């Protein structure tokens, strides 16, 4: 049994691998979010002798390419709510060490402790994924338009007081 903890960032992730008794099998290392980076990681993980589960937080959009690549490579992948890992972390540590390496190790520990109840990641179908992406872009552009419009009104009121 091997727990792979992944601290996902923009363009790269930090990965740590623990064995069944929380023994560090692979010290934390970085994986770029590229086809070669994912292929190299899959190759390293395939060399492990035993069941492997990859766990990461589903924060923002950064985790999606990583999770999808590992899922298609045939691994059990779990994208967990960051709050669950934060709550778990508060229960095991008094000190709050906040580095990518420490976070990857804590996520791997979480994976070992929650091994049996980890939710399995399944990618969305293409149409739903595209609709979700378009909706996010529309929401972002609407918020930006409103903010710019409000800013323009404030500037006009400041430049020409009383000229409503």
Protein backbone atom coordinates (compact mmCIF):
# COMPACT_ATOMS: atom_id res chain seq x y z
CA UNK A 1 0.00 0.00 0.00
CA UNK A 2 1.42 3.35 -1.11
CA UNK A 3 -0.14 6.72 -0.42
CA UNK A 4 0.82 9.50 -2.80
CA UNK A 5 0.20 12.98 -1.40
CA UNK A 6 0.07 15.79 -3.93
CA UNK A 7 0.23 19.48 -3.09
CA UNK A 8 -1.04 21.05 -6.31
CA UNK A 9 0.12 24.46 -7.48
CA UNK A 10 0.01 26.46 -10.70
CA UNK A 11 2.10 24.66 -13.30
CA UNK A 12 3.72 22.21 -10.90
CA UNK A 13 2.93 19.97 -7.98
CA UNK A 14 4.89 18.60 -5.04
CA UNK A 15 4.53 14.84 -4.60
CA UNK A 16 5.42 12.64 -1.61
CA UNK A 17 4.98 8.87 -1.30
CA UNK A 18 4.49 7.04 2.00
CA UNK A 19 4.33 3.30 2.61
CA UNK A 20 1.91 1.41 4.84
CA UNK A 21 3.62 2.33 8.12
CA UNK A 22 4.06 5.97 7.14
CA UNK A 23 7.59 5.26 6.00
CA UNK A 24 8.78 7.77 3.41
CA UNK A 25 9.20 5.82 0.16
CA UNK A 26 9.88 8.88 -2.01
CA UNK A 27 10.90 12.19 -0.49
CA UNK A 28 8.87 15.14 -1.74
CA UNK A 29 9.75 16.17 -5.28
CA UNK A 30 8.28 18.45 -7.91
CA UNK A 31 6.36 17.35 -10.98
CA UNK A 32 5.73 19.87 -13.78
CA UNK A 33 2.23 19.93 -15.25
CA UNK A 34 3.35 18.71 -18.64
CA UNK A 35 2.77 15.48 -20.55
CA UNK A 36 6.39 14.47 -19.87
CA UNK A 37 6.10 15.34 -16.17
CA UNK A 38 2.95 13.27 -15.75
CA UNK A 39 4.40 10.37 -17.76
CA UNK A 40 7.55 10.38 -15.64
CA UNK A 41 5.52 10.32 -12.43
CA UNK A 42 3.30 7.51 -13.72
CA UNK A 43 6.42 5.51 -14.55
CA UNK A 44 7.83 6.02 -11.02
CA UNK A 45 4.52 5.04 -9.42
CA UNK A 46 4.15 1.96 -11.64
CA UNK A 47 7.50 0.74 -10.29
CA UNK A 48 6.01 0.54 -6.77
CA UNK A 49 4.98 -2.96 -5.77
CA UNK A 50 1.49 -2.69 -4.28
CA UNK A 51 -1.74 -0.73 -4.44
CA UNK A 52 -1.19 2.98 -4.98
CA UNK A 53 -3.66 5.76 -4.21
CA UNK A 54 -3.08 9.35 -5.22
CA UNK A 55 -4.70 12.04 -3.08
CA UNK A 56 -4.82 15.79 -3.66
CA UNK A 57 -6.91 18.76 -2.63
CA UNK A 58 -9.41 19.98 -5.21
CA UNK A 59 -8.49 23.63 -5.07
CA UNK A 60 -9.32 25.91 -7.97
CA UNK A 61 -8.63 24.45 -11.38
CA UNK A 62 -4.99 23.52 -10.91
CA UNK A 63 -5.66 19.94 -9.82
CA UNK A 64 -7.77 18.99 -12.86
CA UNK A 65 -4.98 18.24 -15.36
CA UNK A 66 -3.02 16.31 -12.74
CA UNK A 67 -6.01 14.25 -11.61
CA UNK A 68 -7.15 13.53 -15.15
CA UNK A 69 -3.67 12.45 -16.27
CA UNK A 70 -3.21 10.07 -13.35
CA UNK A 71 -6.76 8.72 -13.75
CA UNK A 72 -6.10 7.95 -17.43
CA UNK A 73 -2.78 6.34 -16.45
CA UNK A 74 -4.84 3.82 -14.46
CA UNK A 75 -4.31 5.01 -10.88
CA UNK A 76 -6.84 5.42 -8.09
CA UNK A 77 -7.13 9.19 -7.71
CA UNK A 78 -8.96 11.06 -4.99
CA UNK A 79 -9.55 14.82 -5.04
CA UNK A 80 -10.50 15.78 -1.49
CA UNK A 81 -12.09 18.91 -0.07
CA UNK A 82 -9.27 21.09 1.36
CA UNK A 83 -11.30 21.61 4.54
CA UNK A 84 -11.19 17.87 5.30
CA UNK A 85 -7.40 17.88 5.09
CA UNK A 86 -7.16 21.08 7.14
CA UNK A 87 -9.34 19.57 9.88
CA UNK A 88 -7.26 16.38 9.79
CA UNK A 89 -4.04 18.39 9.94
CA UNK A 90 -5.19 20.32 13.01
CA UNK A 91 -5.80 17.02 14.79
CA UNK A 92 -2.29 15.66 14.25
CA UNK A 93 -0.02 18.68 14.57
CA UNK A 94 0.33 21.55 16.98
CA UNK A 95 2.89 23.33 14.81
CA UNK A 96 1.59 24.70 11.54
CA UNK A 97 4.39 24.06 9.08
CA UNK A 98 3.29 25.44 5.71
CA UNK A 99 5.54 24.35 2.88
CA UNK A 100 4.71 22.42 -0.26
CA UNK A 101 6.84 19.48 0.91
CA UNK A 102 5.22 19.38 4.35
CA UNK A 103 1.75 19.66 2.79
CA UNK A 104 2.45 16.77 0.38
CA UNK A 105 3.55 14.58 3.30
CA UNK A 106 0.47 15.52 5.35
CA UNK A 107 -1.81 14.72 2.42
CA UNK A 108 -0.09 11.33 2.08
CA UNK A 109 -0.63 10.71 5.82
CA UNK A 110 -4.27 11.66 5.35
CA UNK A 111 -4.48 9.11 2.52
CA UNK A 112 -3.13 6.32 4.73
CA UNK A 113 -5.48 7.14 7.61
CA UNK A 114 -8.56 7.49 5.37
CA UNK A 115 -7.55 4.72 2.92
CA UNK A 116 -10.86 2.86 3.02
CA UNK A 117 -13.13 5.88 2.66
CA UNK A 118 -11.31 7.95 0.04
CA UNK A 119 -13.74 9.12 -2.67
CA UNK A 120 -12.61 8.13 -6.15
CA UNK A 121 -12.14 10.88 -8.70
CA UNK A 122 -13.90 10.48 -12.02
CA UNK A 123 -13.45 13.09 -14.74
CA UNK A 124 -16.45 14.94 -16.09
CA UNK A 125 -17.66 14.16 -19.57
CA UNK A 126 -16.41 16.63 -22.19
CA UNK A 127 -19.68 18.50 -22.69
CA UNK A 128 -20.22 19.11 -18.98
CA UNK A 129 -16.59 20.15 -18.51
CA UNK A 130 -16.83 22.65 -21.40
CA UNK A 131 -20.12 24.06 -20.12
CA UNK A 132 -18.67 24.45 -16.62
CA UNK A 133 -15.61 26.22 -18.04
CA UNK A 134 -17.74 28.56 -20.16
CA UNK A 135 -19.97 29.34 -17.17
CA UNK A 136 -16.93 30.21 -15.03
CA UNK A 137 -15.59 32.48 -17.77
CA UNK A 138 -18.98 34.19 -18.15
CA UNK A 139 -19.23 34.75 -14.37
CA UNK A 140 -15.71 36.19 -14.29
CA UNK A 141 -16.37 38.53 -17.24
CA UNK A 142 -19.66 39.69 -15.67
CA UNK A 143 -17.95 40.50 -12.36
CA UNK A 144 -15.14 42.30 -14.18
CA UNK A 145 -17.60 44.33 -16.27
CA UNK A 146 -19.56 45.36 -13.16
CA UNK A 147 -16.37 46.35 -11.30
CA UNK A 148 -15.12 48.40 -14.25
CA UNK A 149 -18.52 50.09 -14.67
CA UNK A 150 -18.63 50.98 -10.95
CA UNK A 151 -15.08 52.31 -11.16
CA UNK A 152 -15.99 54.50 -14.14
CA UNK A 153 -19.02 55.93 -12.31
CA UNK A 154 -16.86 56.71 -9.25
CA UNK A 155 -14.24 58.41 -11.43
CA UNK A 156 -16.90 60.49 -13.22
CA UNK A 157 -18.45 61.56 -9.89
CA UNK A 158 -14.99 62.45 -8.56
CA UNK A 159 -14.01 64.40 -11.69
CA UNK A 160 -17.38 66.14 -12.24
CA UNK A 161 -19.14 66.42 -8.88
CA UNK A 162 -22.87 66.93 -9.14
CA UNK A 163 -23.04 66.23 -12.90
CA UNK A 164 -25.31 63.19 -12.61
